[in-house]
Amino acid sequence: MAASSGSREDATPGTLEETQVRAMFDRIAGLYDRMNTVMTAGLHHAWRRRAADLAALTAGDRALDVATGTGDLAFELSARVAPGGEVIASDFSERMLEIARAKASAGRREGAGVGLRFDSANALSLPYADDEFDAATVGFGARNFSDLDRGLQEMTRVVRPGGRVVVLEMTTPQRPPLSTFFRLWFDKAVPVLGRLAGDPEAYDYLPSSVRRFPGPSELAAVMSRAGLHEIRYILTAGGIIALHVGVVGHDRVADGVGETPPGRLA
């Protein structure tokens, strides 16, 4: 859940002023987990597990989950750094963080012997030191960054050289029949669900934010500009979900599309 900015007057489709985005996620926080389950038929948990695997963490590591929302990806990371590791999860929506903390207190999917902390923070200005983490992840939040380059640069900055940055995000399939289904589902069904949930603005925002987000190869190029190398991505769910992973370079200097061209993982 990170920030999206721009005024109402000049906003492009899928963008809102940062204060509006924060207020929107605060409003829908109580419905967020249930709506995710309905919209993905429960598959979002499996996608988060796969993202956590791509972070390549081991016991005792430290991980950061940016735009954590209600914390599900942070819980997956905590299981991978146990015992003795630490996960910090950040978001700019206080209501989302309240729910994440409540879930953590209830013991949902938290790794044993792991420090788990939820911080209020903006993804574009992370309050952490350089090289502080072994990996950083963002799950379904990168499309809300008002400045995608800056957000990914910040994630890269706080990860040690050799560590990984993982991005889990929706993407727009290009070929029928899935592209047809995607348009019908996200342009028609999802707004209806939003109206039934009592917040049509939030679920009108979702499909437009997905449409404006870079495609898989374009996102890989943005990650390269942020200083990541060995960038690979996986398309799953018929091309609706993309998981990207890149390794932080020792010099942290981006060089076009990197020494190894970004491409699909087998």
Protein backbone atom coordinates (compact mmCIF):
# COMPACT_ATOMS: atom_id res chain seq x y z
CA MET A 1 0.00 0.00 0.00
CA ALA A 2 2.43 2.81 -0.78
CA ALA A 3 1.77 6.31 -1.94
CA SER A 4 0.33 7.50 -5.18
CA SER A 5 0.34 11.20 -5.85
CA GLY A 6 -0.92 13.88 -8.17
CA SER A 7 -3.83 16.25 -7.91
CA ARG A 8 -7.36 15.35 -8.90
CA GLU A 9 -7.16 17.77 -11.80
CA ASP A 10 -4.01 16.46 -13.44
CA ALA A 11 -3.96 12.84 -12.24
CA THR A 12 -3.54 10.15 -14.86
CA PRO A 13 -5.81 7.10 -14.67
CA GLY A 14 -4.98 4.96 -11.67
CA THR A 15 -3.41 7.77 -9.65
CA LEU A 16 -4.71 9.74 -6.72
CA GLU A 17 -3.21 12.35 -4.46
CA GLU A 18 -1.11 10.74 -1.72
CA THR A 19 -3.44 11.82 1.07
CA GLN A 20 -6.38 10.35 -0.87
CA VAL A 21 -4.59 7.03 -1.33
CA ARG A 22 -3.74 6.86 2.37
CA ALA A 23 -7.34 7.67 3.31
CA MET A 24 -8.62 5.09 0.82
CA PHE A 25 -6.51 2.29 2.28
CA ASP A 26 -7.45 3.33 5.81
CA ARG A 27 -11.12 3.04 4.78
CA ILE A 28 -10.87 -0.39 3.19
CA ALA A 29 -8.47 -1.93 5.72
CA GLY A 30 -11.23 -3.88 7.47
CA LEU A 31 -12.36 -5.41 4.16
CA TYR A 32 -8.94 -5.80 2.59
CA ASP A 33 -8.19 -9.44 3.44
CA ARG A 34 -11.68 -10.65 2.54
CA MET A 35 -11.70 -8.76 -0.75
CA ASN A 36 -8.28 -10.16 -1.66
CA THR A 37 -9.55 -13.66 -1.02
CA VAL A 38 -12.66 -13.10 -3.15
CA MET A 39 -10.84 -11.40 -6.02
CA THR A 40 -8.05 -14.01 -6.22
CA ALA A 41 -9.98 -17.13 -5.15
CA GLY A 42 -7.56 -17.34 -2.24
CA LEU A 43 -4.49 -17.66 -4.45
CA HIS A 44 -2.84 -14.48 -3.14
CA HIS A 45 -1.38 -16.46 -0.22
CA ALA A 46 0.41 -18.83 -2.61
CA TRP A 47 1.78 -15.89 -4.60
CA ARG A 48 3.12 -14.30 -1.42
CA ARG A 49 4.78 -17.58 -0.43
CA ARG A 50 6.48 -17.67 -3.81
CA ALA A 51 7.67 -14.08 -3.41
CA ALA A 52 9.09 -14.92 0.02
CA ASP A 53 10.93 -17.89 -1.50
CA LEU A 54 12.50 -15.62 -4.13
CA ALA A 55 13.95 -13.43 -1.36
CA ALA A 56 16.30 -16.38 -0.61
CA LEU A 57 16.44 -15.70 3.12
CA THR A 58 17.92 -17.99 5.75
CA ALA A 59 17.71 -18.28 9.53
CA GLY A 60 18.95 -15.15 11.31
CA ASP A 61 18.52 -12.82 8.32
CA ARG A 62 16.83 -9.41 8.42
CA ALA A 63 14.12 -8.58 5.89
CA LEU A 64 12.00 -5.55 5.03
CA ASP A 65 8.49 -5.73 3.60
CA VAL A 66 7.48 -2.39 2.07
CA ALA A 67 3.80 -1.40 1.67
CA THR A 68 2.98 -4.38 3.86
CA GLY A 69 -0.76 -3.73 4.14
CA THR A 70 -2.18 -6.22 6.63
CA GLY A 71 1.13 -8.06 6.87
CA ASP A 72 0.66 -11.33 5.01
CA LEU A 73 3.95 -11.17 3.09
CA ALA A 74 5.79 -10.11 6.26
CA PHE A 75 4.46 -13.23 7.99
CA GLU A 76 5.78 -15.37 5.14
CA LEU A 77 9.19 -13.72 5.45
CA SER A 78 9.25 -14.28 9.20
CA ALA A 79 8.88 -18.02 8.69
CA ARG A 80 11.99 -17.98 6.50
CA VAL A 81 14.30 -16.06 8.85
CA ALA A 82 13.42 -18.19 11.90
CA PRO A 83 14.97 -18.72 14.29
CA GLY A 84 16.80 -15.57 15.30
CA GLY A 85 15.92 -13.33 12.37
CA GLU A 86 13.99 -10.10 12.12
CA VAL A 87 11.31 -8.75 9.78
CA ILE A 88 10.35 -5.10 9.63
CA ALA A 89 7.13 -4.32 7.78
CA SER A 90 6.30 -0.75 6.79
CA ASP A 91 3.25 1.01 5.43
CA PHE A 92 1.85 4.54 5.39
CA SER A 93 -1.70 3.43 6.29
CA GLU A 94 -2.05 3.35 10.06
CA ARG A 95 -5.29 1.39 9.88
CA MET A 96 -3.62 -1.34 7.80
CA LEU A 97 -0.79 -1.50 10.33
CA GLU A 98 -3.26 -1.82 13.21
CA ILE A 99 -4.75 -4.90 11.57
CA ALA A 100 -1.31 -6.34 10.79
CA ARG A 101 -0.23 -5.91 14.42
CA ALA A 102 -3.45 -7.56 15.62
CA LYS A 103 -2.82 -10.53 13.32
CA ALA A 104 0.75 -10.79 14.58
CA SER A 105 -0.45 -10.73 18.18
CA ALA A 106 -2.83 -13.55 17.35
CA GLY A 107 0.15 -15.59 16.13
CA ARG A 108 -0.92 -15.89 12.49
CA ARG A 109 1.89 -17.45 10.44
CA GLU A 110 4.65 -15.77 12.42
CA GLY A 111 7.93 -17.66 12.56
CA ALA A 112 9.00 -18.83 16.02
CA GLY A 113 11.81 -16.83 17.58
CA VAL A 114 11.57 -13.98 15.05
CA GLY A 115 11.44 -10.27 15.74
CA LEU A 116 8.52 -8.78 13.83
CA ARG A 117 7.91 -5.03 13.83
CA PHE A 118 5.41 -2.86 11.97
CA ASP A 119 6.52 0.71 11.17
CA SER A 120 4.68 3.69 9.77
CA ALA A 121 6.79 4.81 6.80
CA ASN A 122 6.56 6.15 3.26
CA ALA A 123 8.07 3.85 0.65
CA LEU A 124 9.68 6.81 -1.13
CA SER A 125 11.70 7.82 1.93
CA LEU A 126 12.43 4.73 3.99
CA PRO A 127 13.73 5.51 7.51
CA TYR A 128 16.40 2.81 7.43
CA ALA A 129 20.16 2.82 6.96
CA ASP A 130 22.01 1.70 3.85
CA ASP A 131 22.71 -2.06 3.67
CA GLU A 132 20.48 -2.75 6.68
CA PHE A 133 18.60 -5.76 5.30
CA ASP A 134 19.32 -9.04 3.55
CA ALA A 135 16.25 -8.64 1.34
CA ALA A 136 13.37 -6.26 0.69
CA THR A 137 9.99 -7.16 -0.75
CA VAL A 138 6.84 -5.40 -1.90
CA GLY A 139 3.63 -7.30 -2.56
CA PHE A 140 0.84 -5.60 -4.53
CA GLY A 141 2.08 -2.18 -3.45
CA ALA A 142 4.56 -1.06 -6.10
CA ARG A 143 1.79 0.11 -8.42
CA ASN A 144 0.81 2.63 -5.74
CA PHE A 145 4.27 4.24 -5.61
CA SER A 146 3.89 7.79 -6.91
CA ASP A 147 7.49 7.50 -8.15
CA LEU A 148 8.30 3.89 -9.03
CA ASP A 149 11.98 4.59 -9.74
CA ARG A 150 12.45 6.29 -6.39
CA GLY A 151 10.60 3.57 -4.49
CA LEU A 152 12.73 0.81 -5.99
CA GLN A 153 15.90 2.86 -5.44
CA GLU A 154 14.99 3.16 -1.77
CA MET A 155 14.41 -0.58 -1.49
CA THR A 156 17.74 -1.22 -3.18
CA ARG A 157 19.55 1.26 -0.93
CA VAL A 158 18.55 -0.47 2.30
CA VAL A 159 19.55 -3.97 1.11
CA ARG A 160 23.15 -5.13 1.45
CA PRO A 161 25.18 -5.92 -1.68
CA GLY A 162 24.32 -9.43 -2.80
CA GLY A 163 20.88 -9.25 -1.19
CA ARG A 164 17.63 -9.41 -3.12
CA VAL A 165 14.74 -7.12 -3.95
CA VAL A 166 11.47 -8.85 -4.84
CA VAL A 167 8.40 -7.27 -6.44
CA LEU A 168 5.07 -9.13 -6.55
CA GLU A 169 2.47 -7.33 -8.63
CA MET A 170 -0.50 -7.71 -10.93
CA THR A 171 0.10 -7.22 -14.61
CA THR A 172 -2.15 -6.97 -17.64
CA PRO A 173 -2.24 -10.11 -19.83
CA GLN A 174 -1.87 -9.34 -23.51
CA ARG A 175 -3.38 -12.36 -25.22
CA PRO A 176 -6.93 -13.75 -25.30
CA PRO A 177 -8.75 -15.47 -23.79
CA LEU A 178 -7.16 -14.35 -20.52
CA SER A 179 -6.88 -10.72 -21.61
CA THR A 180 -10.64 -10.73 -22.29
CA PHE A 181 -11.39 -12.31 -18.93
CA PHE A 182 -9.08 -9.83 -17.19
CA ARG A 183 -10.88 -6.86 -18.72
CA LEU A 184 -14.29 -8.25 -17.80
CA TRP A 185 -13.22 -9.12 -14.25
CA PHE A 186 -11.27 -6.00 -13.36
CA ASP A 187 -13.26 -3.45 -15.35
CA LYS A 188 -16.72 -4.82 -14.58
CA ALA A 189 -16.80 -7.27 -11.66
CA VAL A 190 -14.27 -5.63 -9.33
CA PRO A 191 -16.02 -2.20 -9.33
CA VAL A 192 -19.30 -3.99 -8.58
CA LEU A 193 -17.65 -5.73 -5.63
CA GLY A 194 -16.41 -2.33 -4.49
CA ARG A 195 -19.90 -0.89 -4.57
CA LEU A 196 -21.21 -3.86 -2.62
CA ALA A 197 -18.39 -3.36 -0.11
CA GLY A 198 -19.37 0.29 0.25
CA ASP A 199 -16.27 1.85 -1.32
CA PRO A 200 -16.62 2.14 -5.12
CA GLU A 201 -13.73 4.62 -5.42
CA ALA A 202 -11.20 2.15 -4.04
CA TYR A 203 -12.21 -0.62 -6.40
CA ASP A 204 -12.42 1.68 -9.40
CA TYR A 205 -8.85 2.69 -8.56
CA LEU A 206 -7.59 -0.91 -8.54
CA PRO A 207 -8.10 -1.82 -12.23
CA SER A 208 -6.85 1.56 -13.45
CA SER A 209 -3.73 1.31 -11.28
CA VAL A 210 -2.98 -2.12 -12.77
CA ARG A 211 -3.44 -0.84 -16.34
CA ARG A 212 -0.98 2.02 -15.91
CA PHE A 213 1.70 -0.13 -14.22
CA PRO A 214 4.69 -1.14 -16.39
CA GLY A 215 4.64 -4.56 -18.02
CA PRO A 216 7.10 -7.26 -16.92
CA SER A 217 10.02 -6.29 -19.17
CA GLU A 218 9.52 -2.58 -18.49
CA LEU A 219 9.49 -3.19 -14.73
CA ALA A 220 12.69 -5.20 -15.05
CA ALA A 221 14.29 -2.18 -16.72
CA VAL A 222 13.16 0.08 -13.86
CA MET A 223 14.72 -2.34 -11.38
CA SER A 224 17.95 -2.23 -13.36
CA ARG A 225 17.98 1.56 -13.21
CA ALA A 226 17.62 1.26 -9.44
CA GLY A 227 20.94 -0.60 -9.28
CA LEU A 228 19.75 -4.21 -9.37
CA HIS A 229 21.44 -6.96 -11.37
CA GLU A 230 20.62 -10.53 -12.44
CA ILE A 231 16.97 -9.48 -12.80
CA ARG A 232 14.52 -12.24 -13.59
CA TYR A 233 10.76 -12.52 -13.52
CA ILE A 234 8.08 -15.19 -13.36
CA LEU A 235 4.60 -14.88 -14.84
CA THR A 236 1.94 -17.00 -13.18
CA ALA A 237 -1.85 -17.26 -12.98
CA GLY A 238 -1.95 -17.17 -16.77
CA GLY A 239 0.05 -13.95 -16.94
CA ILE A 240 -1.97 -11.93 -14.43
CA ILE A 241 0.71 -12.08 -11.72
CA ALA A 242 4.37 -11.16 -12.15
CA LEU A 243 7.12 -11.85 -9.62
CA HIS A 244 10.38 -9.99 -10.21
CA VAL A 245 13.66 -10.49 -8.37
CA GLY A 246 16.96 -8.65 -8.63
CA VAL A 247 20.28 -8.76 -6.79
CA VAL A 248 21.81 -5.62 -5.29
CA GLY A 249 25.08 -4.81 -7.03
CA HIS A 250 28.26 -4.17 -5.05
CA ASP A 251 28.77 -0.81 -6.73
CA ARG A 252 25.04 0.11 -6.65
CA VAL A 253 25.47 1.80 -10.03
CA ALA A 254 22.82 0.95 -12.59
CA ASP A 255 24.14 0.27 -16.08
CA GLY A 256 21.29 0.29 -18.53
CA VAL A 257 19.66 -3.12 -18.36
CA GLY A 258 22.46 -4.72 -16.35
CA GLU A 259 25.26 -7.10 -17.17
CA THR A 260 22.76 -9.91 -17.64
CA PRO A 261 19.69 -8.88 -19.66
CA PRO A 262 16.45 -9.11 -17.66
CA GLY A 263 14.43 -12.14 -18.62
CA ARG A 264 11.95 -14.81 -17.59
CA LEU A 265 12.80 -17.36 -14.95
CA ALA A 266 12.38 -20.95 -15.97
